[in-house]
Amino acid sequence: GSGCGGLKFCFLFFFCLLSFVCLFGEMDRRLSQVRPRKEQLLHSVWAEKEGGFVKSWKTRFFRLTSTSLKYFGSEKESIPRGFILVKDMDDVREVSRPNAAIALEILTTTRTYTLRFGDNATRDLMVVAIKKVIDNKANLTAQKQAIAVESRTKKKVTNFFRSAKAAIENSFQTTSETRHQQQQMKALNKAQQRGQVSEGQMAQLAAIQSFAQQQPQQPQQQQQ
């Protein structure tokens, strides 16, 4: 009975352990998809940018990557005059007004940037490129949130397996000790009945009986 139950418990434990390993592999694969990668140039274009405080227009060369939109004074410059982080971008939209007939606005958490272009085709390509990085940012945020939930689940499962392992080890140790004590008790009882028990053996028998009484008893099932 107890041996069969222990065997079933071990089988369940190792089955769960195999599932746990598979879960780790899937999480590592998904994490690799959201880890930061080396910046790659997605789009570049010349455009005029409206100043934030002084409302004048300056021609700038824009480079769009997955993390930022940087603008330079020329194509050869390596240090940008400024930048807009993708994580701060909320939206991009086409606009048309008297001083910017073909333009777009980039809405961020702090301000709105306005760029104007010489033709619709160039402006439309820029809008599509910026929309793509904003959408991708939203997807990555959702994936990171999902992985954060999985990470918490992974921690709970890890703690469960640690507890299960300790329970199994304790169960095997307790079962082995109990069987050994039961065998000793039977032998001493037989010797007592035959009148062949010494004072030392009587003390040993009393100690074993006291230990057995301290062990938690299994609740008896009520008859249906």
N, C-alpha and C. Protein backbone atom coordinates (compact mmCIF):
# COMPACT_ATOMS: atom_id res chain seq x y z
N GLY A 1 0.82 -1.21 0.00
CA GLY A 1 0.00 0.00 0.00
C GLY A 1 0.85 1.25 0.00
N SER A 2 1.69 1.44 1.08
CA SER A 2 2.52 2.64 1.17
C SER A 2 3.57 2.67 0.07
N GLY A 3 4.13 1.46 -0.25
CA GLY A 3 5.13 1.40 -1.31
C GLY A 3 4.55 1.75 -2.66
N CYS A 4 3.33 1.29 -2.92
CA CYS A 4 2.66 1.60 -4.20
C CYS A 4 2.36 3.10 -4.29
N GLY A 5 1.90 3.68 -3.14
CA GLY A 5 1.62 5.12 -3.14
C GLY A 5 2.87 5.93 -3.39
N GLY A 6 4.00 5.51 -2.77
CA GLY A 6 5.25 6.22 -2.99
C GLY A 6 5.71 6.14 -4.43
N LEU A 7 5.49 4.97 -5.06
CA LEU A 7 5.88 4.80 -6.47
C LEU A 7 5.06 5.70 -7.37
N LYS A 8 3.76 5.80 -7.08
CA LYS A 8 2.90 6.67 -7.89
C LYS A 8 3.32 8.13 -7.72
N PHE A 9 3.66 8.50 -6.50
CA PHE A 9 4.08 9.88 -6.24
C PHE A 9 5.37 10.21 -6.99
N CYS A 10 6.29 9.26 -7.00
CA CYS A 10 7.56 9.47 -7.74
C CYS A 10 7.30 9.62 -9.23
N PHE A 11 6.41 8.78 -9.76
CA PHE A 11 6.09 8.85 -11.19
C PHE A 11 5.49 10.21 -11.52
N LEU A 12 4.57 10.70 -10.67
CA LEU A 12 3.96 12.00 -10.89
C LEU A 12 4.99 13.12 -10.82
N PHE A 13 5.92 12.98 -9.86
CA PHE A 13 6.96 13.99 -9.69
C PHE A 13 7.84 14.10 -10.93
N PHE A 14 8.29 12.97 -11.45
CA PHE A 14 9.18 13.01 -12.62
C PHE A 14 8.43 13.43 -13.88
N PHE A 15 7.13 13.13 -13.97
CA PHE A 15 6.33 13.60 -15.10
C PHE A 15 6.23 15.12 -15.07
N CYS A 16 5.97 15.67 -13.87
CA CYS A 16 5.90 17.13 -13.73
C CYS A 16 7.26 17.77 -14.00
N LEU A 17 8.33 17.08 -13.59
CA LEU A 17 9.67 17.60 -13.83
C LEU A 17 9.96 17.72 -15.32
N LEU A 18 9.53 16.71 -16.11
CA LEU A 18 9.72 16.75 -17.56
C LEU A 18 8.95 17.92 -18.16
N SER A 19 7.71 18.13 -17.68
CA SER A 19 6.91 19.26 -18.18
C SER A 19 7.57 20.58 -17.83
N PHE A 20 8.19 20.62 -16.64
CA PHE A 20 8.88 21.82 -16.18
C PHE A 20 10.05 22.16 -17.09
N VAL A 21 10.81 21.14 -17.49
CA VAL A 21 11.96 21.35 -18.39
C VAL A 21 11.48 21.90 -19.74
N CYS A 22 10.38 21.37 -20.23
CA CYS A 22 9.82 21.85 -21.50
C CYS A 22 9.39 23.31 -21.37
N LEU A 23 8.81 23.67 -20.21
CA LEU A 23 8.39 25.05 -19.99
C LEU A 23 9.58 25.99 -20.00
N PHE A 24 10.69 25.57 -19.37
CA PHE A 24 11.91 26.39 -19.36
C PHE A 24 12.40 26.63 -20.78
N GLY A 25 12.41 25.59 -21.61
CA GLY A 25 12.89 25.72 -22.98
C GLY A 25 12.05 26.69 -23.78
N GLU A 26 10.72 26.62 -23.61
CA GLU A 26 9.83 27.53 -24.33
C GLU A 26 10.02 28.97 -23.87
N MET A 27 10.23 29.16 -22.57
CA MET A 27 10.44 30.52 -22.06
C MET A 27 11.75 31.11 -22.57
N ASP A 28 12.80 30.30 -22.63
CA ASP A 28 14.07 30.78 -23.16
C ASP A 28 13.93 31.20 -24.62
N ARG A 29 13.15 30.42 -25.38
CA ARG A 29 12.94 30.74 -26.79
C ARG A 29 12.21 32.07 -26.93
N ARG A 30 11.18 32.28 -26.12
CA ARG A 30 10.40 33.52 -26.20
C ARG A 30 11.20 34.72 -25.70
N LEU A 31 12.01 34.50 -24.67
CA LEU A 31 12.85 35.59 -24.18
C LEU A 31 13.84 36.07 -25.24
N SER A 32 14.34 35.13 -26.03
CA SER A 32 15.30 35.49 -27.07
C SER A 32 14.67 36.41 -28.12
N GLN A 33 13.32 36.35 -28.24
CA GLN A 33 12.64 37.18 -29.23
C GLN A 33 12.49 38.62 -28.76
N VAL A 34 12.55 38.86 -27.45
CA VAL A 34 12.35 40.21 -26.95
C VAL A 34 13.62 40.83 -26.37
N ARG A 35 14.71 40.10 -26.39
CA ARG A 35 15.97 40.68 -25.92
C ARG A 35 16.40 41.79 -26.88
N PRO A 36 16.98 42.87 -26.35
CA PRO A 36 17.41 43.97 -27.22
C PRO A 36 18.42 43.50 -28.27
N ARG A 37 18.21 43.92 -29.48
CA ARG A 37 19.13 43.58 -30.57
C ARG A 37 19.88 44.83 -31.00
N LYS A 38 20.92 44.62 -31.77
CA LYS A 38 21.71 45.74 -32.28
C LYS A 38 20.83 46.61 -33.18
N GLU A 39 20.94 47.93 -32.98
CA GLU A 39 20.11 48.86 -33.75
C GLU A 39 20.38 48.72 -35.25
N GLN A 40 19.30 48.66 -36.00
CA GLN A 40 19.40 48.59 -37.45
C GLN A 40 18.63 49.76 -38.06
N LEU A 41 19.20 50.34 -39.09
CA LEU A 41 18.55 51.46 -39.76
C LEU A 41 17.34 50.94 -40.54
N LEU A 42 16.16 51.50 -40.23
CA LEU A 42 14.93 51.07 -40.89
C LEU A 42 14.50 52.02 -42.01
N HIS A 43 14.78 53.31 -41.81
CA HIS A 43 14.36 54.29 -42.82
C HIS A 43 15.18 55.57 -42.61
N SER A 44 15.48 56.25 -43.71
CA SER A 44 16.18 57.54 -43.63
C SER A 44 15.59 58.47 -44.68
N VAL A 45 15.55 59.77 -44.35
CA VAL A 45 14.91 60.72 -45.25
C VAL A 45 15.29 62.15 -44.86
N TRP A 46 15.30 63.02 -45.86
CA TRP A 46 15.45 64.44 -45.59
C TRP A 46 14.07 65.05 -45.36
N ALA A 47 13.98 65.93 -44.36
CA ALA A 47 12.71 66.62 -44.09
C ALA A 47 13.02 67.90 -43.32
N GLU A 48 12.02 68.75 -43.23
CA GLU A 48 12.15 69.97 -42.45
C GLU A 48 11.44 69.77 -41.11
N LYS A 49 12.11 70.18 -40.05
CA LYS A 49 11.56 70.01 -38.70
C LYS A 49 11.24 71.38 -38.10
N GLU A 50 10.05 71.47 -37.52
CA GLU A 50 9.65 72.70 -36.86
C GLU A 50 10.24 72.74 -35.44
N GLY A 51 10.78 73.89 -35.06
CA GLY A 51 11.37 74.03 -33.74
C GLY A 51 10.34 73.95 -32.63
N GLY A 52 10.80 73.56 -31.44
CA GLY A 52 9.88 73.43 -30.33
C GLY A 52 9.51 74.75 -29.70
N PHE A 53 10.48 75.61 -29.45
CA PHE A 53 10.23 76.92 -28.84
C PHE A 53 10.17 78.02 -29.90
N VAL A 54 11.21 78.06 -30.73
CA VAL A 54 11.21 79.00 -31.85
C VAL A 54 10.59 78.28 -33.06
N LYS A 55 9.43 78.75 -33.51
CA LYS A 55 8.70 78.05 -34.56
C LYS A 55 9.27 78.35 -35.95
N SER A 56 10.53 77.93 -36.13
CA SER A 56 11.18 78.06 -37.44
C SER A 56 11.43 76.66 -37.97
N TRP A 57 11.70 76.58 -39.28
CA TRP A 57 11.91 75.28 -39.93
C TRP A 57 13.39 75.09 -40.26
N LYS A 58 13.90 73.91 -39.91
CA LYS A 58 15.28 73.58 -40.22
C LYS A 58 15.33 72.24 -40.94
N THR A 59 16.14 72.20 -41.99
CA THR A 59 16.28 70.96 -42.75
C THR A 59 17.19 69.99 -42.00
N ARG A 60 16.69 68.78 -41.84
CA ARG A 60 17.43 67.76 -41.10
C ARG A 60 17.37 66.42 -41.84
N PHE A 61 18.42 65.63 -41.58
CA PHE A 61 18.45 64.28 -42.15
C PHE A 61 18.04 63.32 -41.03
N PHE A 62 16.96 62.57 -41.23
CA PHE A 62 16.38 61.70 -40.20
C PHE A 62 16.78 60.24 -40.44
N ARG A 63 17.14 59.58 -39.34
CA ARG A 63 17.43 58.15 -39.37
C ARG A 63 16.52 57.46 -38.34
N LEU A 64 15.70 56.52 -38.83
CA LEU A 64 14.77 55.81 -37.96
C LEU A 64 15.28 54.40 -37.69
N THR A 65 15.35 54.03 -36.41
CA THR A 65 15.69 52.66 -36.00
C THR A 65 14.53 52.13 -35.15
N SER A 66 14.71 50.93 -34.64
CA SER A 66 13.64 50.32 -33.83
C SER A 66 13.50 50.98 -32.46
N THR A 67 14.48 51.79 -32.08
CA THR A 67 14.44 52.41 -30.75
C THR A 67 14.37 53.94 -30.77
N SER A 68 14.71 54.56 -31.90
CA SER A 68 14.73 56.04 -31.90
C SER A 68 14.64 56.60 -33.31
N LEU A 69 14.28 57.87 -33.37
CA LEU A 69 14.32 58.66 -34.59
C LEU A 69 15.31 59.79 -34.33
N LYS A 70 16.48 59.73 -34.97
CA LYS A 70 17.53 60.72 -34.76
C LYS A 70 17.58 61.65 -35.96
N TYR A 71 17.94 62.90 -35.71
CA TYR A 71 18.07 63.84 -36.83
C TYR A 71 19.42 64.55 -36.75
N PHE A 72 19.99 64.76 -37.97
CA PHE A 72 21.35 65.27 -38.13
C PHE A 72 21.35 66.49 -39.05
N GLY A 73 22.44 67.22 -39.01
CA GLY A 73 22.58 68.36 -39.91
C GLY A 73 22.97 67.95 -41.31
N SER A 74 23.59 66.76 -41.44
CA SER A 74 23.97 66.23 -42.75
C SER A 74 24.06 64.71 -42.65
N GLU A 75 24.18 64.06 -43.79
CA GLU A 75 24.26 62.60 -43.81
C GLU A 75 25.57 62.10 -43.24
N LYS A 76 26.60 62.96 -43.23
CA LYS A 76 27.92 62.54 -42.76
C LYS A 76 28.07 62.67 -41.24
N GLU A 77 27.20 63.41 -40.60
CA GLU A 77 27.31 63.59 -39.16
C GLU A 77 27.05 62.28 -38.42
N SER A 78 27.82 62.06 -37.35
CA SER A 78 27.63 60.84 -36.55
C SER A 78 26.95 61.14 -35.22
N ILE A 79 27.04 62.40 -34.78
CA ILE A 79 26.40 62.81 -33.53
C ILE A 79 25.10 63.55 -33.86
N PRO A 80 23.95 63.05 -33.40
CA PRO A 80 22.69 63.69 -33.79
C PRO A 80 22.47 65.04 -33.12
N ARG A 81 21.72 65.90 -33.81
CA ARG A 81 21.32 67.18 -33.22
C ARG A 81 20.22 66.97 -32.17
N GLY A 82 19.55 65.87 -32.29
CA GLY A 82 18.47 65.54 -31.35
C GLY A 82 17.90 64.17 -31.71
N PHE A 83 16.97 63.70 -30.88
CA PHE A 83 16.37 62.37 -31.15
C PHE A 83 15.01 62.28 -30.45
N ILE A 84 14.21 61.34 -30.95
CA ILE A 84 12.90 61.01 -30.35
C ILE A 84 12.91 59.51 -30.08
N LEU A 85 12.71 59.13 -28.84
CA LEU A 85 12.71 57.71 -28.49
C LEU A 85 11.39 57.07 -28.89
N VAL A 86 11.49 55.89 -29.47
CA VAL A 86 10.28 55.17 -29.89
C VAL A 86 9.39 54.86 -28.70
N LYS A 87 10.00 54.57 -27.55
CA LYS A 87 9.20 54.22 -26.37
C LYS A 87 8.33 55.38 -25.91
N ASP A 88 8.70 56.63 -26.33
CA ASP A 88 7.90 57.80 -25.96
C ASP A 88 6.85 58.16 -27.02
N MET A 89 6.91 57.51 -28.19
CA MET A 89 5.97 57.82 -29.26
C MET A 89 4.60 57.19 -28.98
N ASP A 90 3.56 57.99 -29.09
CA ASP A 90 2.19 57.50 -28.91
C ASP A 90 1.50 57.28 -30.25
N ASP A 91 1.77 58.16 -31.22
CA ASP A 91 1.09 58.04 -32.51
C ASP A 91 1.80 58.91 -33.54
N VAL A 92 1.48 58.67 -34.83
CA VAL A 92 1.95 59.51 -35.94
C VAL A 92 0.77 59.72 -36.88
N ARG A 93 0.64 60.93 -37.41
CA ARG A 93 -0.50 61.23 -38.28
C ARG A 93 -0.12 62.23 -39.36
N GLU A 94 -0.82 62.13 -40.46
CA GLU A 94 -0.62 63.07 -41.56
C GLU A 94 -1.37 64.36 -41.24
N VAL A 95 -0.74 65.48 -41.57
CA VAL A 95 -1.40 66.78 -41.34
C VAL A 95 -1.16 67.68 -42.56
N SER A 96 -2.02 68.67 -42.66
CA SER A 96 -1.87 69.67 -43.72
C SER A 96 -2.38 71.01 -43.18
N ARG A 97 -1.52 72.01 -43.25
CA ARG A 97 -1.89 73.34 -42.75
C ARG A 97 -1.20 74.37 -43.63
N PRO A 98 -1.54 75.64 -43.48
CA PRO A 98 -1.01 76.66 -44.41
C PRO A 98 0.51 76.67 -44.54
N ASN A 99 1.24 76.53 -43.42
CA ASN A 99 2.70 76.58 -43.51
C ASN A 99 3.34 75.20 -43.66
N ALA A 100 2.50 74.15 -43.74
CA ALA A 100 3.01 72.78 -43.90
C ALA A 100 1.96 71.96 -44.63
N ALA A 101 1.93 72.15 -45.96
CA ALA A 101 0.90 71.48 -46.76
C ALA A 101 1.06 69.97 -46.75
N ILE A 102 2.30 69.48 -46.77
CA ILE A 102 2.57 68.03 -46.74
C ILE A 102 3.44 67.76 -45.51
N ALA A 103 2.79 67.33 -44.44
CA ALA A 103 3.52 67.17 -43.18
C ALA A 103 2.99 65.98 -42.39
N LEU A 104 3.71 65.70 -41.30
CA LEU A 104 3.26 64.68 -40.36
C LEU A 104 3.56 65.17 -38.95
N GLU A 105 2.81 64.67 -38.00
CA GLU A 105 3.02 64.98 -36.60
C GLU A 105 3.31 63.69 -35.83
N ILE A 106 4.34 63.75 -34.99
CA ILE A 106 4.67 62.62 -34.13
C ILE A 106 4.28 63.01 -32.70
N LEU A 107 3.30 62.32 -32.15
CA LEU A 107 2.81 62.62 -30.81
C LEU A 107 3.59 61.78 -29.80
N THR A 108 4.20 62.46 -28.83
CA THR A 108 4.95 61.77 -27.77
C THR A 108 4.36 62.12 -26.41
N THR A 109 4.96 61.57 -25.38
CA THR A 109 4.47 61.81 -24.02
C THR A 109 4.76 63.23 -23.54
N THR A 110 5.68 63.94 -24.21
CA THR A 110 6.06 65.29 -23.75
C THR A 110 5.69 66.41 -24.72
N ARG A 111 5.70 66.13 -26.03
CA ARG A 111 5.41 67.17 -27.01
C ARG A 111 5.02 66.55 -28.34
N THR A 112 4.66 67.42 -29.29
CA THR A 112 4.32 66.98 -30.65
C THR A 112 5.36 67.54 -31.62
N TYR A 113 5.96 66.66 -32.41
CA TYR A 113 6.97 67.05 -33.41
C TYR A 113 6.29 67.13 -34.77
N THR A 114 6.62 68.18 -35.52
CA THR A 114 6.06 68.36 -36.86
C THR A 114 7.19 68.35 -37.90
N LEU A 115 7.01 67.49 -38.93
CA LEU A 115 7.96 67.42 -40.04
C LEU A 115 7.20 67.69 -41.32
N ARG A 116 7.83 68.44 -42.23
CA ARG A 116 7.18 68.67 -43.52
C ARG A 116 8.09 68.20 -44.64
N PHE A 117 7.44 67.82 -45.76
CA PHE A 117 8.13 67.16 -46.87
C PHE A 117 7.80 67.86 -48.19
N GLY A 118 8.59 67.49 -49.19
CA GLY A 118 8.39 68.10 -50.51
C GLY A 118 7.32 67.41 -51.33
N ASP A 119 6.98 66.15 -51.00
CA ASP A 119 5.95 65.44 -51.77
C ASP A 119 5.24 64.43 -50.88
N ASN A 120 4.06 64.02 -51.31
CA ASN A 120 3.23 63.09 -50.53
C ASN A 120 3.88 61.70 -50.39
N ALA A 121 4.50 61.22 -51.45
CA ALA A 121 5.07 59.87 -51.43
C ALA A 121 6.14 59.74 -50.34
N THR A 122 7.02 60.74 -50.25
CA THR A 122 8.08 60.71 -49.23
C THR A 122 7.49 60.76 -47.82
N ARG A 123 6.48 61.65 -47.65
CA ARG A 123 5.82 61.75 -46.34
C ARG A 123 5.11 60.45 -45.97
N ASP A 124 4.42 59.84 -46.94
CA ASP A 124 3.65 58.62 -46.66
C ASP A 124 4.57 57.45 -46.28
N LEU A 125 5.74 57.35 -46.92
CA LEU A 125 6.69 56.29 -46.56
C LEU A 125 7.18 56.46 -45.12
N MET A 126 7.39 57.72 -44.72
CA MET A 126 7.85 57.99 -43.35
C MET A 126 6.76 57.65 -42.34
N VAL A 127 5.53 57.96 -42.66
CA VAL A 127 4.41 57.64 -41.76
C VAL A 127 4.29 56.14 -41.56
N VAL A 128 4.39 55.39 -42.66
CA VAL A 128 4.30 53.92 -42.59
C VAL A 128 5.43 53.36 -41.73
N ALA A 129 6.64 53.87 -41.92
CA ALA A 129 7.80 53.36 -41.18
C ALA A 129 7.66 53.64 -39.68
N ILE A 130 7.19 54.84 -39.33
CA ILE A 130 7.04 55.18 -37.91
C ILE A 130 5.91 54.37 -37.28
N LYS A 131 4.81 54.21 -38.02
CA LYS A 131 3.70 53.40 -37.50
C LYS A 131 4.16 51.98 -37.20
N LYS A 132 5.02 51.46 -38.05
CA LYS A 132 5.50 50.08 -37.87
C LYS A 132 6.29 49.93 -36.58
N VAL A 133 7.18 50.89 -36.29
CA VAL A 133 7.98 50.77 -35.06
C VAL A 133 7.12 50.98 -33.82
N ILE A 134 6.09 51.84 -33.93
CA ILE A 134 5.19 52.04 -32.79
C ILE A 134 4.39 50.77 -32.52
N ASP A 135 3.88 50.15 -33.58
CA ASP A 135 3.13 48.89 -33.42
C ASP A 135 4.02 47.80 -32.85
N ASN A 136 5.26 47.75 -33.34
CA ASN A 136 6.19 46.73 -32.85
C ASN A 136 6.51 46.95 -31.37
N LYS A 137 6.59 48.22 -30.96
CA LYS A 137 6.82 48.54 -29.55
C LYS A 137 5.67 48.00 -28.70
N ALA A 138 4.44 48.17 -29.18
CA ALA A 138 3.28 47.67 -28.43
C ALA A 138 3.31 46.15 -28.32
N ASN A 139 3.70 45.48 -29.42
CA ASN A 139 3.78 44.01 -29.40
C ASN A 139 4.84 43.53 -28.42
N LEU A 140 6.00 44.20 -28.42
CA LEU A 140 7.07 43.81 -27.50
C LEU A 140 6.67 44.02 -26.05
N THR A 141 5.93 45.12 -25.80
CA THR A 141 5.46 45.38 -24.43
C THR A 141 4.53 44.27 -23.97
N ALA A 142 3.62 43.85 -24.87
CA ALA A 142 2.69 42.77 -24.53
C ALA A 142 3.44 41.46 -24.28
N GLN A 143 4.46 41.18 -25.10
CA GLN A 143 5.24 39.96 -24.92
C GLN A 143 6.00 39.99 -23.60
N LYS A 144 6.57 41.15 -23.25
CA LYS A 144 7.31 41.26 -21.99
C LYS A 144 6.38 41.07 -20.80
N GLN A 145 5.16 41.59 -20.90
CA GLN A 145 4.20 41.42 -19.81
C GLN A 145 3.82 39.94 -19.67
N ALA A 146 3.63 39.28 -20.81
CA ALA A 146 3.29 37.85 -20.77
C ALA A 146 4.43 37.04 -20.17
N ILE A 147 5.67 37.39 -20.53
CA ILE A 147 6.83 36.67 -20.01
C ILE A 147 7.02 36.94 -18.52
N ALA A 148 6.66 38.16 -18.08
CA ALA A 148 6.74 38.46 -16.66
C ALA A 148 5.79 37.55 -15.87
N VAL A 149 4.59 37.32 -16.43
CA VAL A 149 3.63 36.41 -15.79
C VAL A 149 4.20 34.99 -15.78
N GLU A 150 4.79 34.57 -16.90
CA GLU A 150 5.38 33.23 -16.97
C GLU A 150 6.53 33.09 -15.98
N SER A 151 7.29 34.18 -15.81
CA SER A 151 8.41 34.13 -14.89
C SER A 151 7.93 33.91 -13.45
N ARG A 152 6.82 34.59 -13.10
CA ARG A 152 6.27 34.38 -11.76
C ARG A 152 5.75 32.96 -11.60
N THR A 153 5.13 32.44 -12.67
CA THR A 153 4.66 31.05 -12.63
C THR A 153 5.83 30.09 -12.50
N LYS A 154 6.90 30.38 -13.23
CA LYS A 154 8.10 29.55 -13.17
C LYS A 154 8.65 29.50 -11.75
N LYS A 155 8.63 30.64 -11.05
CA LYS A 155 9.13 30.68 -9.67
C LYS A 155 8.26 29.83 -8.76
N LYS A 156 6.94 29.90 -8.96
CA LYS A 156 6.04 29.09 -8.14
C LYS A 156 6.26 27.61 -8.39
N VAL A 157 6.44 27.24 -9.66
CA VAL A 157 6.66 25.83 -9.99
C VAL A 157 7.98 25.35 -9.40
N THR A 158 9.01 26.21 -9.45
CA THR A 158 10.31 25.85 -8.86
C THR A 158 10.17 25.57 -7.37
N ASN A 159 9.45 26.43 -6.68
CA ASN A 159 9.24 26.23 -5.25
C ASN A 159 8.46 24.95 -4.98
N PHE A 160 7.49 24.67 -5.86
CA PHE A 160 6.70 23.44 -5.69
C PHE A 160 7.59 22.21 -5.80
N PHE A 161 8.47 22.18 -6.80
CA PHE A 161 9.32 21.01 -6.99
C PHE A 161 10.33 20.87 -5.85
N ARG A 162 10.80 21.97 -5.32
CA ARG A 162 11.69 21.89 -4.17
C ARG A 162 10.98 21.27 -2.98
N SER A 163 9.73 21.71 -2.75
CA SER A 163 8.96 21.15 -1.64
C SER A 163 8.65 19.69 -1.87
N ALA A 164 8.31 19.34 -3.13
CA ALA A 164 7.99 17.95 -3.46
C ALA A 164 9.21 17.05 -3.27
N LYS A 165 10.37 17.54 -3.69
CA LYS A 165 11.60 16.76 -3.53
C LYS A 165 11.89 16.51 -2.06
N ALA A 166 11.75 17.57 -1.25
CA ALA A 166 12.00 17.41 0.19
C ALA A 166 11.00 16.45 0.81
N ALA A 167 9.73 16.51 0.35
CA ALA A 167 8.70 15.61 0.88
C ALA A 167 9.01 14.16 0.54
N ILE A 168 9.48 13.94 -0.71
CA ILE A 168 9.81 12.57 -1.12
C ILE A 168 10.97 12.03 -0.29
N GLU A 169 12.03 12.84 -0.15
CA GLU A 169 13.19 12.40 0.62
C GLU A 169 12.80 12.12 2.07
N ASN A 170 11.96 12.99 2.64
CA ASN A 170 11.53 12.79 4.02
C ASN A 170 10.64 11.56 4.15
N SER A 171 9.79 11.35 3.12
CA SER A 171 8.90 10.19 3.14
C SER A 171 9.68 8.89 3.11
N PHE A 172 10.70 8.82 2.21
CA PHE A 172 11.52 7.61 2.12
C PHE A 172 12.28 7.38 3.43
N GLN A 173 12.81 8.45 4.02
CA GLN A 173 13.59 8.32 5.24
C GLN A 173 12.69 7.87 6.40
N THR A 174 11.50 8.51 6.51
CA THR A 174 10.57 8.16 7.59
C THR A 174 10.08 6.73 7.43
N THR A 175 9.75 6.33 6.18
CA THR A 175 9.26 4.97 5.93
C THR A 175 10.31 3.94 6.30
N SER A 176 11.56 4.20 5.93
CA SER A 176 12.65 3.27 6.23
C SER A 176 12.85 3.16 7.74
N GLU A 177 12.83 4.31 8.44
CA GLU A 177 13.01 4.27 9.88
C GLU A 177 11.86 3.55 10.56
N THR A 178 10.62 3.83 10.08
CA THR A 178 9.44 3.21 10.69
C THR A 178 9.46 1.70 10.53
N ARG A 179 9.83 1.22 9.33
CA ARG A 179 9.89 -0.23 9.09
C ARG A 179 10.93 -0.88 10.00
N HIS A 180 12.08 -0.22 10.12
CA HIS A 180 13.13 -0.76 10.97
C HIS A 180 12.67 -0.84 12.42
N GLN A 181 11.97 0.20 12.89
CA GLN A 181 11.49 0.20 14.27
C GLN A 181 10.39 -0.83 14.48
N GLN A 182 9.53 -1.00 13.47
CA GLN A 182 8.49 -2.02 13.57
C GLN A 182 9.09 -3.41 13.69
N GLN A 183 10.14 -3.66 12.91
CA GLN A 183 10.81 -4.96 12.99
C GLN A 183 11.44 -5.16 14.37
N GLN A 184 12.08 -4.10 14.89
CA GLN A 184 12.67 -4.19 16.22
C GLN A 184 11.59 -4.45 17.29
N MET A 185 10.44 -3.74 17.15
CA MET A 185 9.37 -3.90 18.12
C MET A 185 8.83 -5.32 18.13
N LYS A 186 8.63 -5.89 16.92
CA LYS A 186 8.13 -7.26 16.83
C LYS A 186 9.10 -8.24 17.48
N ALA A 187 10.39 -8.04 17.18
CA ALA A 187 11.39 -8.94 17.75
C ALA A 187 11.43 -8.84 19.27
N LEU A 188 11.33 -7.62 19.80
CA LEU A 188 11.37 -7.43 21.24
C LEU A 188 10.11 -7.97 21.91
N ASN A 189 8.96 -7.79 21.24
CA ASN A 189 7.71 -8.34 21.78
C ASN A 189 7.76 -9.85 21.89
N LYS A 190 8.29 -10.48 20.84
CA LYS A 190 8.42 -11.94 20.87
C LYS A 190 9.36 -12.37 21.98
N ALA A 191 10.47 -11.64 22.12
CA ALA A 191 11.43 -11.98 23.17
C ALA A 191 10.82 -11.77 24.55
N GLN A 192 9.98 -10.72 24.68
CA GLN A 192 9.32 -10.46 25.96
C GLN A 192 8.36 -11.58 26.33
N GLN A 193 7.63 -12.05 25.30
CA GLN A 193 6.69 -13.15 25.55
C GLN A 193 7.42 -14.41 25.99
N ARG A 194 8.61 -14.60 25.48
CA ARG A 194 9.39 -15.78 25.87
C ARG A 194 10.19 -15.54 27.15
N GLY A 195 10.10 -14.31 27.68
CA GLY A 195 10.83 -14.00 28.89
C GLY A 195 12.30 -13.86 28.68
N GLN A 196 12.69 -13.43 27.48
CA GLN A 196 14.11 -13.33 27.15
C GLN A 196 14.54 -11.89 26.87
N VAL A 197 13.91 -10.95 27.60
CA VAL A 197 14.20 -9.53 27.37
C VAL A 197 15.00 -8.97 28.53
N SER A 198 16.11 -8.35 28.21
CA SER A 198 16.95 -7.74 29.24
C SER A 198 16.40 -6.36 29.58
N GLU A 199 16.94 -5.72 30.63
CA GLU A 199 16.51 -4.38 31.02
C GLU A 199 16.81 -3.37 29.91
N GLY A 200 17.96 -3.52 29.23
CA GLY A 200 18.30 -2.61 28.13
C GLY A 200 17.33 -2.74 26.98
N GLN A 201 16.92 -3.96 26.65
CA GLN A 201 15.96 -4.17 25.58
C GLN A 201 14.59 -3.62 25.95
N MET A 202 14.21 -3.74 27.23
CA MET A 202 12.93 -3.19 27.67
C MET A 202 12.92 -1.66 27.50
N ALA A 203 14.02 -1.03 27.83
CA ALA A 203 14.12 0.42 27.65
C ALA A 203 14.03 0.80 26.18
N GLN A 204 14.67 -0.03 25.33
CA GLN A 204 14.63 0.22 23.89
C GLN A 204 13.21 0.08 23.37
N LEU A 205 12.48 -0.96 23.85
CA LEU A 205 11.10 -1.17 23.42
C LEU A 205 10.22 0.00 23.84
N ALA A 206 10.40 0.50 25.05
CA ALA A 206 9.61 1.64 25.54
C ALA A 206 9.86 2.88 24.69
N ALA A 207 11.12 3.08 24.30
CA ALA A 207 11.46 4.24 23.48
C ALA A 207 10.81 4.15 22.10
N ILE A 208 10.81 2.94 21.52
CA ILE A 208 10.20 2.76 20.19
C ILE A 208 8.70 2.98 20.27
N GLN A 209 8.07 2.44 21.30
CA GLN A 209 6.63 2.61 21.46
C GLN A 209 6.27 4.09 21.64
N SER A 210 7.09 4.79 22.41
CA SER A 210 6.85 6.22 22.62
C SER A 210 6.97 6.99 21.32
N PHE A 211 7.97 6.63 20.49
CA PHE A 211 8.16 7.29 19.18
C PHE A 211 6.97 7.02 18.26
N ALA A 212 6.49 5.76 18.27
CA ALA A 212 5.37 5.39 17.41
C ALA A 212 4.11 6.15 17.78
N GLN A 213 3.89 6.38 19.09
CA GLN A 213 2.71 7.10 19.53
C GLN A 213 2.76 8.57 19.13
N GLN A 214 3.95 9.10 18.95
CA GLN A 214 4.10 10.51 18.57
C GLN A 214 3.89 10.75 17.09
N GLN A 215 3.92 9.67 16.26
CA GLN A 215 3.75 9.84 14.82
C GLN A 215 2.30 10.15 14.50
N PRO A 216 2.06 11.06 13.53
CA PRO A 216 0.68 11.40 13.15
C PRO A 216 -0.03 10.19 12.57
N GLN A 217 -1.22 9.95 13.04
CA GLN A 217 -2.00 8.81 12.57
C GLN A 217 -2.79 9.19 11.33
N GLN A 218 -2.92 8.26 10.38
CA GLN A 218 -3.71 8.49 9.19
C GLN A 218 -5.20 8.50 9.55
N PRO A 219 -5.97 9.49 9.14
CA PRO A 219 -7.40 9.52 9.47
C PRO A 219 -8.13 8.35 8.84
N GLN A 220 -8.98 7.73 9.63
CA GLN A 220 -9.74 6.60 9.13
C GLN A 220 -10.88 7.08 8.25
N GLN A 221 -11.08 6.42 7.13
CA GLN A 221 -12.14 6.80 6.21
C GLN A 221 -13.48 6.32 6.75
N GLN A 222 -14.48 7.18 6.73
CA GLN A 222 -15.80 6.80 7.17
C GLN A 222 -16.43 5.87 6.15
N GLN A 223 -17.13 4.90 6.66
CA GLN A 223 -17.82 3.96 5.77
C GLN A 223 -19.02 4.65 5.16
N GLN A 224 -19.16 4.42 3.86
CA GLN A 224 -20.27 5.05 3.15
C GLN A 224 -21.57 4.33 3.47
